[in-house]
Amino acid sequence: MNDLKTQFEAAATAIQALPKRPDNTTLLEIYALYKQATAGDATGKRPGMFDPVGQAKYDAWAKLKGISSEQAMQRYVALAERLKGASGG
């Protein structure tokens, strides 16, 4: 687990350092996987209709319900690798 946590932290740093901002769908995936890995299943109430960004983020996170922290970290690391490769880094 420690090795995975180290990879996850490195992936988070790499994603923040991407030269090009990912599209909104990818950003939601990044957010949801990070939240699932660090906080577990989505909690709290879904934001209201006057917060469409909050709703999208909450919905993306809620779709990952039941995925373990380790699985979310693995998927996050794989996504970071894909994005790094796509940006030529």
C-alpha atoms as a PDB file:
ATOM      1  CA  MET A   1       0.000   0.000   0.000  1.00  0.00           C
ATOM      2  CA  ASN A   2       2.842   2.425   0.791  1.00  0.00           C
ATOM      3  CA  ASP A   3       4.223   2.058  -2.732  1.00  0.00           C
ATOM      4  CA  LEU A   4       0.762   2.729  -4.190  1.00  0.00           C
ATOM      5  CA  LYS A   5       0.335   5.773  -1.942  1.00  0.00           C
ATOM      6  CA  THR A   6       3.694   7.113  -3.145  1.00  0.00           C
ATOM      7  CA  GLN A   7       2.666   6.545  -6.782  1.00  0.00           C
ATOM      8  CA  PHE A   8      -0.682   8.234  -6.083  1.00  0.00           C
ATOM      9  CA  GLU A   9       0.985  11.300  -4.569  1.00  0.00           C
ATOM     10  CA  ALA A  10       3.414  11.501  -7.505  1.00  0.00           C
ATOM     11  CA  ALA A  11       0.474  11.204  -9.921  1.00  0.00           C
ATOM     12  CA  ALA A  12      -1.345  14.062  -8.167  1.00  0.00           C
ATOM     13  CA  THR A  13       1.750  16.241  -8.543  1.00  0.00           C
ATOM     14  CA  ALA A  14       2.122  15.239 -12.197  1.00  0.00           C
ATOM     15  CA  ILE A  15      -1.508  16.066 -12.964  1.00  0.00           C
ATOM     16  CA  GLN A  16      -1.143  19.517 -11.414  1.00  0.00           C
ATOM     17  CA  ALA A  17       1.956  20.103 -13.556  1.00  0.00           C
ATOM     18  CA  LEU A  18       0.376  19.142 -16.890  1.00  0.00           C
ATOM     19  CA  PRO A  19       1.252  21.732 -19.547  1.00  0.00           C
ATOM     20  CA  LYS A  20      -2.283  21.642 -21.007  1.00  0.00           C
ATOM     21  CA  ARG A  21      -5.495  21.694 -18.993  1.00  0.00           C
ATOM     22  CA  PRO A  22      -7.521  18.503 -19.549  1.00  0.00           C
ATOM     23  CA  ASP A  23     -11.087  18.703 -20.875  1.00  0.00           C
ATOM     24  CA  ASN A  24     -13.963  18.994 -18.392  1.00  0.00           C
ATOM     25  CA  THR A  25     -14.879  15.293 -18.553  1.00  0.00           C
ATOM     26  CA  THR A  26     -11.313  14.322 -17.685  1.00  0.00           C
ATOM     27  CA  LEU A  27     -11.190  16.934 -14.922  1.00  0.00           C
ATOM     28  CA  LEU A  28     -14.330  15.404 -13.386  1.00  0.00           C
ATOM     29  CA  GLU A  29     -12.728  11.943 -13.568  1.00  0.00           C
ATOM     30  CA  ILE A  30      -9.577  13.275 -11.901  1.00  0.00           C
ATOM     31  CA  TYR A  31     -11.636  14.919  -9.157  1.00  0.00           C
ATOM     32  CA  ALA A  32     -13.840  11.879  -8.550  1.00  0.00           C
ATOM     33  CA  LEU A  33     -10.966   9.402  -8.398  1.00  0.00           C
ATOM     34  CA  TYR A  34      -9.007  11.667  -6.057  1.00  0.00           C
ATOM     35  CA  LYS A  35     -11.981  12.106  -3.718  1.00  0.00           C
ATOM     36  CA  GLN A  36     -12.772   8.376  -3.762  1.00  0.00           C
ATOM     37  CA  ALA A  37      -9.132   7.539  -3.016  1.00  0.00           C
ATOM     38  CA  THR A  38      -8.796  10.046  -0.190  1.00  0.00           C
ATOM     39  CA  ALA A  39     -12.292  10.274   1.307  1.00  0.00           C
ATOM     40  CA  GLY A  40     -14.175   7.132   0.255  1.00  0.00           C
ATOM     41  CA  ASP A  41     -17.774   7.112  -0.963  1.00  0.00           C
ATOM     42  CA  ALA A  42     -19.520  10.422  -1.624  1.00  0.00           C
ATOM     43  CA  THR A  43     -21.093  11.957   1.461  1.00  0.00           C
ATOM     44  CA  GLY A  44     -23.380  14.853   2.167  1.00  0.00           C
ATOM     45  CA  LYS A  45     -26.192  16.241   0.096  1.00  0.00           C
ATOM     46  CA  ARG A  46     -25.970  16.798  -3.638  1.00  0.00           C
ATOM     47  CA  PRO A  47     -25.571  20.530  -4.379  1.00  0.00           C
ATOM     48  CA  GLY A  48     -28.651  22.398  -5.543  1.00  0.00           C
ATOM     49  CA  MET A  49     -29.601  23.511  -9.041  1.00  0.00           C
ATOM     50  CA  PHE A  50     -27.799  26.837  -8.644  1.00  0.00           C
ATOM     51  CA  ASP A  51     -24.469  25.000  -8.384  1.00  0.00           C
ATOM     52  CA  PRO A  52     -24.149  23.010 -11.638  1.00  0.00           C
ATOM     53  CA  VAL A  53     -20.376  22.578 -11.222  1.00  0.00           C
ATOM     54  CA  GLY A  54     -20.880  21.234  -7.708  1.00  0.00           C
ATOM     55  CA  GLN A  55     -23.571  18.876  -8.997  1.00  0.00           C
ATOM     56  CA  ALA A  56     -21.304  17.541 -11.745  1.00  0.00           C
ATOM     57  CA  LYS A  57     -18.454  16.989  -9.291  1.00  0.00           C
ATOM     58  CA  TYR A  58     -20.724  15.284  -6.762  1.00  0.00           C
ATOM     59  CA  ASP A  59     -22.316  13.076  -9.444  1.00  0.00           C
ATOM     60  CA  ALA A  60     -18.922  12.001 -10.819  1.00  0.00           C
ATOM     61  CA  TRP A  61     -17.771  11.099  -7.297  1.00  0.00           C
ATOM     62  CA  ALA A  62     -21.037   9.309  -6.433  1.00  0.00           C
ATOM     63  CA  LYS A  63     -20.677   7.078  -9.522  1.00  0.00           C
ATOM     64  CA  LEU A  64     -17.583   5.543  -7.902  1.00  0.00           C
ATOM     65  CA  LYS A  65     -19.504   4.355  -4.835  1.00  0.00           C
ATOM     66  CA  GLY A  66     -18.167   1.055  -3.552  1.00  0.00           C
ATOM     67  CA  ILE A  67     -14.751   1.339  -5.217  1.00  0.00           C
ATOM     68  CA  SER A  68     -11.994   0.857  -2.662  1.00  0.00           C
ATOM     69  CA  SER A  69      -9.414   3.517  -1.933  1.00  0.00           C
ATOM     70  CA  GLU A  70      -6.731   1.273  -3.451  1.00  0.00           C
ATOM     71  CA  GLN A  71      -8.711   0.756  -6.671  1.00  0.00           C
ATOM     72  CA  ALA A  72      -9.327   4.494  -6.980  1.00  0.00           C
ATOM     73  CA  MET A  73      -5.623   5.193  -6.435  1.00  0.00           C
ATOM     74  CA  GLN A  74      -4.674   2.658  -9.116  1.00  0.00           C
ATOM     75  CA  ARG A  75      -7.118   4.184 -11.598  1.00  0.00           C
ATOM     76  CA  TYR A  76      -5.889   7.697 -10.728  1.00  0.00           C
ATOM     77  CA  VAL A  77      -2.254   6.680 -11.303  1.00  0.00           C
ATOM     78  CA  ALA A  78      -3.189   5.054 -14.642  1.00  0.00           C
ATOM     79  CA  LEU A  79      -5.080   8.194 -15.697  1.00  0.00           C
ATOM     80  CA  ALA A  80      -2.104  10.376 -14.784  1.00  0.00           C
ATOM     81  CA  GLU A  81       0.178   8.160 -16.886  1.00  0.00           C
ATOM     82  CA  ARG A  82      -2.222   8.421 -19.839  1.00  0.00           C
ATOM     83  CA  LEU A  83      -2.434  12.191 -19.528  1.00  0.00           C
ATOM     84  CA  LYS A  84       1.325  12.525 -19.186  1.00  0.00           C
ATOM     85  CA  GLY A  85       1.808  10.432 -22.309  1.00  0.00           C
ATOM     86  CA  ALA A  86      -0.815  12.392 -24.230  1.00  0.00           C
ATOM     87  CA  SER A  87       0.878  15.679 -23.373  1.00  0.00           C
ATOM     88  CA  GLY A  88       4.220  14.396 -24.587  1.00  0.00           C
ATOM     89  CA  GLY A  89       5.721  14.506 -21.083  1.00  0.00           C
END
